[in-house]
Amino acid sequence: MFEVSVERDFAAAHALRNYKGACENVHGHNWKVQVVIAGEALDEAGMLIDFLDVKHLMDAIVARLDHRFLNEVPPFDVKNASAENLAEHFFEKLAEGLTSLPVRVKEVKVWETAIQSATYRP
């Protein structure tokens, strides 16, 4: 089994719904997202997947979220914009972008701060 990981970051605000405390108010984070891609075989170039391909997929997702109020961006206009839900969202969108390749998204980790993160694995 081979694995590669790529990280991206973005800045965005959110307000947690159904939460009692300071985080129910609008506040922002410098989010960091790490995706781990896994697969059994390397291609003819000796790579599992080109890092650039993963970066482009992640950049497309980040572009919709960067410098935005997440509570106004689908699906977070309905779903709470928690780190856990962001991790799942990145996982689903990345998995859609990799359907034609013999690899899979193993996990996505999202940091709200340098010391707080949430991981999604199916």
N, C-alpha and C. Protein backbone atom coordinates (compact mmCIF):
# COMPACT_ATOMS: atom_id res chain seq x y z
N MET A 1 0.85 -1.18 0.00
CA MET A 1 0.00 0.00 0.00
C MET A 1 0.89 1.24 0.00
N PHE A 2 0.57 2.17 -0.87
CA PHE A 2 1.26 3.46 -0.94
C PHE A 2 0.30 4.55 -0.50
N GLU A 3 0.86 5.61 0.09
CA GLU A 3 0.07 6.77 0.47
C GLU A 3 0.84 8.03 0.14
N VAL A 4 0.10 9.04 -0.30
CA VAL A 4 0.66 10.38 -0.46
C VAL A 4 -0.26 11.35 0.25
N SER A 5 0.30 12.46 0.70
CA SER A 5 -0.54 13.46 1.34
C SER A 5 -0.19 14.84 0.80
N VAL A 6 -1.21 15.67 0.77
CA VAL A 6 -1.08 17.05 0.30
C VAL A 6 -1.84 17.93 1.29
N GLU A 7 -1.29 19.10 1.56
CA GLU A 7 -1.94 20.05 2.45
C GLU A 7 -2.23 21.35 1.72
N ARG A 8 -3.30 21.97 2.13
CA ARG A 8 -3.67 23.29 1.64
C ARG A 8 -4.22 24.07 2.83
N ASP A 9 -4.21 25.40 2.73
CA ASP A 9 -4.81 26.20 3.79
C ASP A 9 -5.65 27.31 3.19
N PHE A 10 -6.53 27.84 4.04
CA PHE A 10 -7.40 28.94 3.63
C PHE A 10 -7.90 29.64 4.88
N ALA A 11 -8.38 30.85 4.69
CA ALA A 11 -8.95 31.63 5.79
C ALA A 11 -10.46 31.77 5.56
N ALA A 12 -11.22 31.54 6.60
CA ALA A 12 -12.68 31.67 6.47
C ALA A 12 -13.30 31.81 7.85
N ALA A 13 -14.47 32.41 7.87
CA ALA A 13 -15.23 32.59 9.12
C ALA A 13 -16.39 31.61 9.16
N HIS A 14 -16.86 31.35 10.36
CA HIS A 14 -18.07 30.56 10.56
C HIS A 14 -18.67 30.91 11.91
N ALA A 15 -19.88 30.45 12.12
CA ALA A 15 -20.56 30.56 13.41
C ALA A 15 -21.24 29.22 13.64
N LEU A 16 -20.92 28.57 14.72
CA LEU A 16 -21.49 27.24 14.97
C LEU A 16 -22.94 27.32 15.42
N ARG A 17 -23.80 26.62 14.72
CA ARG A 17 -25.22 26.54 15.09
C ARG A 17 -25.38 25.48 16.18
N ASN A 18 -26.40 25.63 16.99
CA ASN A 18 -26.71 24.66 18.05
C ASN A 18 -25.55 24.47 19.00
N TYR A 19 -24.82 25.53 19.24
CA TYR A 19 -23.67 25.50 20.14
C TYR A 19 -23.83 26.63 21.14
N LYS A 20 -23.57 26.35 22.39
CA LYS A 20 -23.67 27.38 23.43
C LYS A 20 -22.25 27.75 23.86
N GLY A 21 -21.86 28.95 23.54
CA GLY A 21 -20.53 29.41 23.89
C GLY A 21 -20.04 30.41 22.87
N ALA A 22 -18.81 30.84 23.02
CA ALA A 22 -18.26 31.89 22.16
C ALA A 22 -18.27 31.52 20.68
N CYS A 23 -18.14 30.25 20.37
CA CYS A 23 -18.07 29.85 18.96
C CYS A 23 -19.41 29.89 18.23
N GLU A 24 -20.48 30.22 18.95
CA GLU A 24 -21.75 30.43 18.25
C GLU A 24 -21.76 31.79 17.57
N ASN A 25 -20.83 32.65 17.95
CA ASN A 25 -20.67 33.96 17.31
C ASN A 25 -19.77 33.83 16.09
N VAL A 26 -19.90 34.75 15.17
CA VAL A 26 -19.06 34.74 13.98
C VAL A 26 -17.60 34.93 14.40
N HIS A 27 -16.76 34.04 13.91
CA HIS A 27 -15.32 34.11 14.17
C HIS A 27 -14.60 33.42 13.03
N GLY A 28 -13.32 33.65 12.92
CA GLY A 28 -12.57 33.10 11.80
C GLY A 28 -11.43 32.21 12.22
N HIS A 29 -10.96 31.45 11.23
CA HIS A 29 -9.81 30.55 11.43
C HIS A 29 -8.93 30.61 10.20
N ASN A 30 -7.68 30.29 10.40
CA ASN A 30 -6.78 29.96 9.30
C ASN A 30 -6.75 28.44 9.25
N TRP A 31 -7.63 27.89 8.43
CA TRP A 31 -7.83 26.45 8.34
C TRP A 31 -6.68 25.80 7.58
N LYS A 32 -6.37 24.56 7.96
CA LYS A 32 -5.42 23.75 7.19
C LYS A 32 -6.10 22.42 6.91
N VAL A 33 -5.95 21.93 5.68
CA VAL A 33 -6.57 20.68 5.26
C VAL A 33 -5.48 19.76 4.72
N GLN A 34 -5.48 18.52 5.20
CA GLN A 34 -4.55 17.51 4.69
C GLN A 34 -5.37 16.34 4.15
N VAL A 35 -5.08 15.92 2.93
CA VAL A 35 -5.70 14.74 2.36
C VAL A 35 -4.65 13.65 2.22
N VAL A 36 -5.05 12.42 2.52
CA VAL A 36 -4.19 11.26 2.32
C VAL A 36 -4.84 10.40 1.25
N ILE A 37 -4.09 10.16 0.17
CA ILE A 37 -4.54 9.32 -0.95
C ILE A 37 -3.80 8.00 -0.85
N ALA A 38 -4.52 6.89 -1.03
CA ALA A 38 -3.91 5.56 -0.91
C ALA A 38 -4.18 4.74 -2.16
N GLY A 39 -3.29 3.79 -2.42
CA GLY A 39 -3.47 2.88 -3.54
C GLY A 39 -2.44 1.76 -3.50
N GLU A 40 -2.69 0.76 -4.30
CA GLU A 40 -1.86 -0.45 -4.29
C GLU A 40 -0.70 -0.40 -5.26
N ALA A 41 -0.84 0.34 -6.35
CA ALA A 41 0.17 0.26 -7.41
C ALA A 41 0.62 1.64 -7.86
N LEU A 42 1.87 1.69 -8.29
CA LEU A 42 2.43 2.92 -8.85
C LEU A 42 2.27 2.91 -10.36
N ASP A 43 2.26 4.09 -10.96
CA ASP A 43 2.16 4.18 -12.41
C ASP A 43 3.55 3.98 -13.05
N GLU A 44 3.62 4.13 -14.36
CA GLU A 44 4.87 3.90 -15.08
C GLU A 44 5.96 4.89 -14.70
N ALA A 45 5.58 6.02 -14.09
CA ALA A 45 6.55 7.00 -13.63
C ALA A 45 6.99 6.73 -12.19
N GLY A 46 6.43 5.69 -11.58
CA GLY A 46 6.78 5.36 -10.20
C GLY A 46 6.04 6.19 -9.18
N MET A 47 4.86 6.72 -9.57
CA MET A 47 4.07 7.55 -8.66
C MET A 47 2.70 6.94 -8.43
N LEU A 48 2.18 7.12 -7.24
CA LEU A 48 0.80 6.72 -6.94
C LEU A 48 -0.16 7.66 -7.65
N ILE A 49 0.08 8.95 -7.50
CA ILE A 49 -0.70 9.99 -8.15
C ILE A 49 0.19 11.23 -8.19
N ASP A 50 0.02 12.03 -9.19
CA ASP A 50 0.80 13.26 -9.31
C ASP A 50 0.33 14.24 -8.23
N PHE A 51 1.27 14.74 -7.42
CA PHE A 51 0.92 15.72 -6.39
C PHE A 51 0.17 16.91 -7.00
N LEU A 52 0.55 17.31 -8.20
CA LEU A 52 -0.12 18.46 -8.83
C LEU A 52 -1.59 18.19 -9.07
N ASP A 53 -1.94 16.96 -9.43
CA ASP A 53 -3.35 16.63 -9.64
C ASP A 53 -4.14 16.77 -8.35
N VAL A 54 -3.55 16.32 -7.25
CA VAL A 54 -4.22 16.43 -5.96
C VAL A 54 -4.33 17.90 -5.55
N LYS A 55 -3.26 18.66 -5.76
CA LYS A 55 -3.29 20.09 -5.45
C LYS A 55 -4.39 20.82 -6.22
N HIS A 56 -4.53 20.50 -7.51
CA HIS A 56 -5.57 21.14 -8.32
C HIS A 56 -6.97 20.81 -7.81
N LEU A 57 -7.19 19.55 -7.44
CA LEU A 57 -8.50 19.17 -6.89
C LEU A 57 -8.77 19.92 -5.58
N MET A 58 -7.77 19.98 -4.72
CA MET A 58 -7.94 20.68 -3.44
C MET A 58 -8.14 22.17 -3.66
N ASP A 59 -7.38 22.75 -4.59
CA ASP A 59 -7.50 24.19 -4.85
C ASP A 59 -8.89 24.57 -5.33
N ALA A 60 -9.54 23.69 -6.09
CA ALA A 60 -10.89 23.97 -6.56
C ALA A 60 -11.88 24.02 -5.39
N ILE A 61 -11.69 23.16 -4.41
CA ILE A 61 -12.56 23.16 -3.23
C ILE A 61 -12.27 24.39 -2.37
N VAL A 62 -10.99 24.65 -2.15
CA VAL A 62 -10.58 25.80 -1.33
C VAL A 62 -11.08 27.10 -1.93
N ALA A 63 -11.06 27.21 -3.25
CA ALA A 63 -11.47 28.46 -3.92
C ALA A 63 -12.91 28.84 -3.55
N ARG A 64 -13.78 27.87 -3.32
CA ARG A 64 -15.17 28.15 -2.94
C ARG A 64 -15.31 28.60 -1.49
N LEU A 65 -14.27 28.32 -0.67
CA LEU A 65 -14.37 28.57 0.77
C LEU A 65 -13.49 29.71 1.27
N ASP A 66 -12.42 30.00 0.57
CA ASP A 66 -11.42 30.95 1.04
C ASP A 66 -12.00 32.36 1.15
N HIS A 67 -11.75 32.99 2.30
CA HIS A 67 -12.20 34.35 2.59
C HIS A 67 -13.72 34.50 2.44
N ARG A 68 -14.42 33.49 2.92
CA ARG A 68 -15.88 33.51 2.89
C ARG A 68 -16.42 33.27 4.29
N PHE A 69 -17.70 33.59 4.46
CA PHE A 69 -18.44 33.21 5.65
C PHE A 69 -19.06 31.86 5.33
N LEU A 70 -18.51 30.80 5.89
CA LEU A 70 -18.88 29.44 5.50
C LEU A 70 -20.36 29.15 5.66
N ASN A 71 -21.02 29.79 6.63
CA ASN A 71 -22.44 29.55 6.83
C ASN A 71 -23.30 29.97 5.64
N GLU A 72 -22.72 30.70 4.71
CA GLU A 72 -23.45 31.12 3.50
C GLU A 72 -23.07 30.31 2.27
N VAL A 73 -22.15 29.36 2.41
CA VAL A 73 -21.66 28.57 1.27
C VAL A 73 -22.24 27.16 1.36
N PRO A 74 -22.96 26.71 0.33
CA PRO A 74 -23.47 25.34 0.35
C PRO A 74 -22.32 24.33 0.45
N PRO A 75 -22.45 23.27 1.19
CA PRO A 75 -23.63 22.82 1.93
C PRO A 75 -23.73 23.38 3.35
N PHE A 76 -22.82 24.29 3.69
CA PHE A 76 -22.75 24.80 5.06
C PHE A 76 -23.79 25.87 5.35
N ASP A 77 -24.58 26.22 4.35
CA ASP A 77 -25.73 27.08 4.60
C ASP A 77 -26.82 26.30 5.33
N VAL A 78 -26.74 24.97 5.28
CA VAL A 78 -27.68 24.09 5.96
C VAL A 78 -26.95 23.25 7.02
N LYS A 79 -25.82 22.70 6.64
CA LYS A 79 -25.01 21.84 7.51
C LYS A 79 -24.07 22.72 8.33
N ASN A 80 -23.86 22.39 9.58
CA ASN A 80 -22.97 23.17 10.43
C ASN A 80 -21.55 23.15 9.86
N ALA A 81 -20.90 24.30 9.87
CA ALA A 81 -19.54 24.43 9.33
C ALA A 81 -18.50 24.08 10.39
N SER A 82 -18.64 22.89 10.95
CA SER A 82 -17.68 22.40 11.95
C SER A 82 -16.47 21.81 11.22
N ALA A 83 -15.37 21.65 11.93
CA ALA A 83 -14.18 21.03 11.35
C ALA A 83 -14.49 19.61 10.88
N GLU A 84 -15.33 18.91 11.63
CA GLU A 84 -15.71 17.54 11.24
C GLU A 84 -16.46 17.53 9.90
N ASN A 85 -17.43 18.44 9.76
CA ASN A 85 -18.19 18.49 8.52
C ASN A 85 -17.35 19.00 7.35
N LEU A 86 -16.42 19.89 7.62
CA LEU A 86 -15.50 20.33 6.56
C LEU A 86 -14.63 19.17 6.09
N ALA A 87 -14.15 18.35 7.02
CA ALA A 87 -13.33 17.20 6.65
C ALA A 87 -14.13 16.23 5.76
N GLU A 88 -15.37 15.98 6.13
CA GLU A 88 -16.21 15.10 5.32
C GLU A 88 -16.47 15.70 3.94
N HIS A 89 -16.71 17.00 3.89
CA HIS A 89 -16.96 17.69 2.62
C HIS A 89 -15.76 17.56 1.68
N PHE A 90 -14.57 17.84 2.20
CA PHE A 90 -13.37 17.69 1.39
C PHE A 90 -13.21 16.25 0.92
N PHE A 91 -13.47 15.30 1.81
CA PHE A 91 -13.37 13.88 1.44
C PHE A 91 -14.28 13.56 0.26
N GLU A 92 -15.54 13.94 0.37
CA GLU A 92 -16.51 13.63 -0.69
C GLU A 92 -16.14 14.28 -2.02
N LYS A 93 -15.77 15.56 -1.98
CA LYS A 93 -15.43 16.27 -3.22
C LYS A 93 -14.16 15.69 -3.85
N LEU A 94 -13.17 15.37 -3.04
CA LEU A 94 -11.94 14.77 -3.57
C LEU A 94 -12.21 13.39 -4.15
N ALA A 95 -13.02 12.60 -3.46
CA ALA A 95 -13.36 11.26 -3.97
C ALA A 95 -14.04 11.35 -5.33
N GLU A 96 -14.93 12.33 -5.51
CA GLU A 96 -15.59 12.53 -6.81
C GLU A 96 -14.56 12.82 -7.90
N GLY A 97 -13.53 13.57 -7.57
CA GLY A 97 -12.52 13.94 -8.55
C GLY A 97 -11.53 12.85 -8.89
N LEU A 98 -11.55 11.77 -8.12
CA LEU A 98 -10.58 10.69 -8.33
C LEU A 98 -11.21 9.40 -8.86
N THR A 99 -12.46 9.45 -9.26
CA THR A 99 -13.16 8.22 -9.64
C THR A 99 -12.52 7.49 -10.82
N SER A 100 -11.81 8.20 -11.68
CA SER A 100 -11.23 7.55 -12.86
C SER A 100 -9.83 6.98 -12.59
N LEU A 101 -9.33 7.12 -11.38
CA LEU A 101 -7.99 6.65 -11.05
C LEU A 101 -8.05 5.47 -10.08
N PRO A 102 -7.01 4.61 -10.10
CA PRO A 102 -7.00 3.45 -9.19
C PRO A 102 -6.47 3.80 -7.79
N VAL A 103 -6.96 4.89 -7.24
CA VAL A 103 -6.58 5.34 -5.90
C VAL A 103 -7.85 5.69 -5.15
N ARG A 104 -7.70 5.89 -3.85
CA ARG A 104 -8.85 6.30 -3.03
C ARG A 104 -8.41 7.31 -2.00
N VAL A 105 -9.35 8.12 -1.57
CA VAL A 105 -9.09 9.04 -0.47
C VAL A 105 -9.15 8.20 0.80
N LYS A 106 -8.08 8.18 1.55
CA LYS A 106 -8.04 7.42 2.80
C LYS A 106 -8.60 8.23 3.95
N GLU A 107 -8.17 9.50 4.05
CA GLU A 107 -8.66 10.34 5.12
C GLU A 107 -8.41 11.80 4.80
N VAL A 108 -9.16 12.65 5.48
CA VAL A 108 -8.96 14.09 5.41
C VAL A 108 -8.93 14.62 6.83
N LYS A 109 -7.94 15.45 7.10
CA LYS A 109 -7.79 16.08 8.41
C LYS A 109 -7.89 17.59 8.24
N VAL A 110 -8.68 18.23 9.08
CA VAL A 110 -8.87 19.68 9.04
C VAL A 110 -8.50 20.27 10.39
N TRP A 111 -7.61 21.26 10.35
CA TRP A 111 -7.21 21.98 11.56
C TRP A 111 -7.92 23.33 11.58
N GLU A 112 -8.51 23.67 12.73
CA GLU A 112 -9.03 25.02 12.98
C GLU A 112 -7.91 25.90 13.52
N THR A 113 -7.07 25.31 14.32
CA THR A 113 -5.92 25.99 14.89
C THR A 113 -4.74 25.02 14.84
N ALA A 114 -3.59 25.46 15.26
CA ALA A 114 -2.40 24.60 15.25
C ALA A 114 -2.53 23.41 16.18
N ILE A 115 -3.45 23.47 17.14
CA ILE A 115 -3.56 22.39 18.13
C ILE A 115 -4.91 21.70 18.17
N GLN A 116 -5.81 22.04 17.22
CA GLN A 116 -7.15 21.43 17.20
C GLN A 116 -7.49 20.98 15.79
N SER A 117 -7.80 19.70 15.66
CA SER A 117 -8.13 19.17 14.33
C SER A 117 -9.22 18.12 14.43
N ALA A 118 -9.82 17.84 13.27
CA ALA A 118 -10.81 16.78 13.13
C ALA A 118 -10.46 15.97 11.89
N THR A 119 -10.63 14.65 11.97
CA THR A 119 -10.30 13.75 10.88
C THR A 119 -11.54 12.99 10.44
N TYR A 120 -11.70 12.86 9.11
CA TYR A 120 -12.79 12.03 8.57
C TYR A 120 -12.19 10.87 7.80
N ARG A 121 -12.63 9.67 8.16
CA ARG A 121 -12.32 8.42 7.44
C ARG A 121 -13.63 7.66 7.33
N PRO A 122 -13.96 7.18 6.14
CA PRO A 122 -15.22 6.42 6.04
C PRO A 122 -15.11 5.06 6.72
